[in-house]
Amino acid sequence: GGSGGDVTLTSNAASITTDGKSAHALAAQSLGSGGGNGEDFAGLGGHGGRGHGGGHGGTVTVTAGNGILKTSAAGAHGIFAQSVGGGGGDGGSAGGIAGLGGDGGAAAPGGEVTVISGGTISVICTRLHSGQKTKSKGAVYSGASNCSLVKRLSARGV
């Protein structure tokens, strides 16, 4: 599969306010594509084709200046940044007297994700994600479900 490109997002906005399900104040992502599937084989004996590997996720960098980021709904993050690698393709099937299916392709990793915030992030929600990573000063949050000040994710495709 094809690799995701590198993403750089820099915001110097004085204020960004969102109000809606999964409406992030800032969002950046790089996604690798899935690998292609192997060819199928049919005959007396043979082997299905091997699946191709997924594409790597690119590097994601988000820099938020000294502004104010506000979100107030379920699934909304002050800053959402992710890099996800693509999953591997399926191995081809084989039919016949002596057939052997092909191997699946390998999943690819996500790239490095960096988030730097010098301003205030305000998220009104009932539960925060664990594993928050931010260099935010003056961060404020109070008790919509599944939201966080910063969601940073780098994942391998499946």
Protein backbone atom coordinates (compact mmCIF):
# COMPACT_ATOMS: atom_id res chain seq x y z
CA GLY A 1 0.00 0.00 0.00
CA GLY A 2 0.95 3.62 -0.38
CA SER A 3 2.42 5.52 2.52
CA GLY A 4 0.73 8.51 4.13
CA GLY A 5 2.49 11.84 3.68
CA ASP A 6 4.01 13.94 6.44
CA VAL A 7 1.62 16.48 7.97
CA THR A 8 2.50 19.76 9.68
CA LEU A 9 -0.24 21.93 11.15
CA THR A 10 0.58 25.28 12.76
CA SER A 11 -2.16 27.44 14.23
CA ASN A 12 -1.69 30.98 15.49
CA ALA A 13 -5.43 31.66 15.80
CA ALA A 14 -6.46 33.77 18.77
CA SER A 15 -9.40 31.44 19.44
CA ILE A 16 -11.01 28.30 17.96
CA THR A 17 -14.37 27.13 19.37
CA THR A 18 -16.31 24.03 18.28
CA ASP A 19 -19.64 22.62 19.42
CA GLY A 20 -20.64 19.28 17.92
CA LYS A 21 -20.00 15.56 18.22
CA SER A 22 -16.37 14.78 17.31
CA ALA A 23 -15.75 18.43 16.35
CA HIS A 24 -12.07 18.82 17.22
CA ALA A 25 -10.57 22.30 17.55
CA LEU A 26 -7.45 21.19 15.60
CA ALA A 27 -7.05 17.88 13.71
CA ALA A 28 -4.17 16.42 11.67
CA GLN A 29 -3.68 12.86 10.45
CA SER A 30 -1.59 10.74 8.11
CA LEU A 31 -2.98 7.40 6.96
CA GLY A 32 -1.12 4.65 5.11
CA SER A 33 -3.25 2.61 2.70
CA GLY A 34 -3.96 -1.09 3.01
CA GLY A 35 -1.96 -3.62 1.03
CA GLY A 36 -3.39 -5.29 -2.06
CA ASN A 37 -4.77 -8.82 -1.91
CA GLY A 38 -2.96 -11.81 -3.41
CA GLU A 39 -4.34 -13.57 -6.51
CA ASP A 40 -6.53 -16.66 -6.12
CA PHE A 41 -5.49 -19.95 -7.77
CA ALA A 42 -7.68 -22.76 -9.05
CA GLY A 43 -6.40 -25.98 -10.70
CA LEU A 44 -4.96 -29.36 -9.86
CA GLY A 45 -2.30 -27.95 -7.58
CA GLY A 46 -1.00 -24.53 -6.82
CA HIS A 47 -0.48 -21.68 -4.45
CA GLY A 48 -2.48 -18.51 -3.88
CA GLY A 49 -0.65 -15.20 -4.23
CA ARG A 50 0.88 -13.34 -1.32
CA GLY A 51 -0.87 -10.22 -0.03
CA HIS A 52 1.06 -6.95 -0.23
CA GLY A 53 2.16 -4.98 2.82
CA GLY A 54 0.37 -1.86 4.06
CA GLY A 55 1.75 1.66 3.69
CA HIS A 56 3.45 3.50 6.56
CA GLY A 57 1.78 6.44 8.30
CA GLY A 58 3.73 9.68 7.94
CA THR A 59 5.07 12.02 10.62
CA VAL A 60 2.44 14.34 12.14
CA THR A 61 3.39 17.59 13.88
CA VAL A 62 0.87 20.00 15.40
CA THR A 63 1.92 23.32 16.90
CA ALA A 64 -0.76 25.46 18.51
CA GLY A 65 0.31 28.98 19.46
CA ASN A 66 -0.89 30.99 22.43
CA GLY A 67 -4.57 30.99 21.47
CA ILE A 68 -7.57 29.39 23.16
CA LEU A 69 -8.99 26.07 21.89
CA LYS A 70 -12.51 25.19 23.14
CA THR A 71 -14.61 22.07 22.46
CA SER A 72 -17.81 21.01 24.17
CA ALA A 73 -19.31 17.79 22.79
CA ALA A 74 -18.87 14.01 22.90
CA GLY A 75 -15.84 12.71 21.03
CA ALA A 76 -14.35 16.19 20.57
CA HIS A 77 -10.67 16.70 21.36
CA GLY A 78 -8.90 20.00 21.78
CA ILE A 79 -6.12 18.69 19.51
CA PHE A 80 -6.47 15.41 17.59
CA ALA A 81 -3.29 14.14 15.91
CA GLN A 82 -2.71 10.64 14.55
CA SER A 83 -0.58 8.58 12.20
CA VAL A 84 -1.87 5.12 11.26
CA GLY A 85 -0.16 2.53 9.10
CA GLY A 86 -2.18 0.45 6.65
CA GLY A 87 -3.14 -3.17 7.18
CA GLY A 88 -1.66 -5.92 5.04
CA GLY A 89 -3.55 -7.44 2.11
CA ASP A 90 -5.19 -10.86 2.28
CA GLY A 91 -3.39 -13.88 0.87
CA GLY A 92 -5.00 -15.44 -2.19
CA SER A 93 -6.97 -18.67 -1.89
CA ALA A 94 -6.18 -21.88 -3.72
CA GLY A 95 -8.48 -24.68 -4.80
CA GLY A 96 -7.85 -28.10 -6.31
CA ILE A 97 -6.36 -31.41 -5.24
CA ALA A 98 -3.26 -29.81 -3.67
CA GLY A 99 -3.84 -26.13 -3.08
CA LEU A 100 -2.14 -23.83 -0.59
CA GLY A 101 -3.42 -20.35 0.26
CA GLY A 102 -1.07 -17.38 0.02
CA ASP A 103 0.41 -15.50 2.97
CA GLY A 104 -1.17 -12.26 4.12
CA GLY A 105 0.81 -9.04 3.75
CA ALA A 106 2.42 -7.30 6.75
CA ALA A 107 0.77 -4.36 8.50
CA ALA A 108 2.77 -1.11 8.54
CA PRO A 109 3.49 1.16 11.51
CA GLY A 110 2.24 4.68 12.10
CA GLY A 111 4.74 7.53 12.16
CA GLU A 112 5.89 9.80 14.96
CA VAL A 113 3.27 12.20 16.35
CA THR A 114 4.30 15.45 18.08
CA VAL A 115 1.93 17.99 19.66
CA ILE A 116 3.06 21.29 21.18
CA SER A 117 0.61 23.81 22.61
CA GLY A 118 1.48 27.10 24.25
CA GLY A 119 -2.08 28.30 24.83
CA THR A 120 -5.15 27.19 26.76
CA ILE A 121 -7.17 24.11 25.83
CA SER A 122 -10.66 23.91 27.31
CA VAL A 123 -12.66 20.68 26.93
CA ILE A 124 -16.00 20.17 28.63
CA CYS A 125 -16.57 16.43 28.99
CA THR A 126 -17.35 13.71 31.53
CA ARG A 127 -14.38 11.43 30.92
CA LEU A 128 -10.86 12.03 29.66
CA HIS A 129 -8.72 9.61 27.66
CA SER A 130 -5.74 8.22 29.48
CA GLY A 131 -2.26 8.84 28.16
CA GLN A 132 -2.60 12.57 27.46
CA LYS A 133 0.58 14.12 26.13
CA THR A 134 0.73 17.89 25.99
CA LYS A 135 2.99 20.81 26.83
CA SER A 136 0.01 23.07 27.39
CA LYS A 137 0.04 25.79 30.00
CA GLY A 138 -3.21 26.87 31.60
CA ALA A 139 -5.03 23.68 30.54
CA VAL A 140 -8.62 23.64 31.76
CA TYR A 141 -11.16 20.82 31.61
CA SER A 142 -14.30 19.88 33.47
CA GLY A 143 -16.49 16.92 33.96
CA ALA A 144 -19.61 14.70 26.82
CA SER A 145 -17.94 11.36 26.93
CA ASN A 146 -14.82 10.15 25.12
CA CYS A 147 -12.96 13.44 24.77
CA SER A 148 -9.60 14.83 25.86
CA LEU A 149 -7.38 17.87 25.80
CA VAL A 150 -5.02 16.17 23.38
CA LYS A 151 -5.41 12.81 21.63
CA ARG A 152 -2.13 11.64 20.15
CA LEU A 153 -2.07 8.28 18.35
CA SER A 154 0.43 6.32 16.32
CA ALA A 155 -0.86 2.87 15.37
CA ARG A 156 0.00 -0.16 13.27
CA GLY A 157 -2.58 -1.25 10.70
CA VAL A 158 -4.60 -4.42 11.33
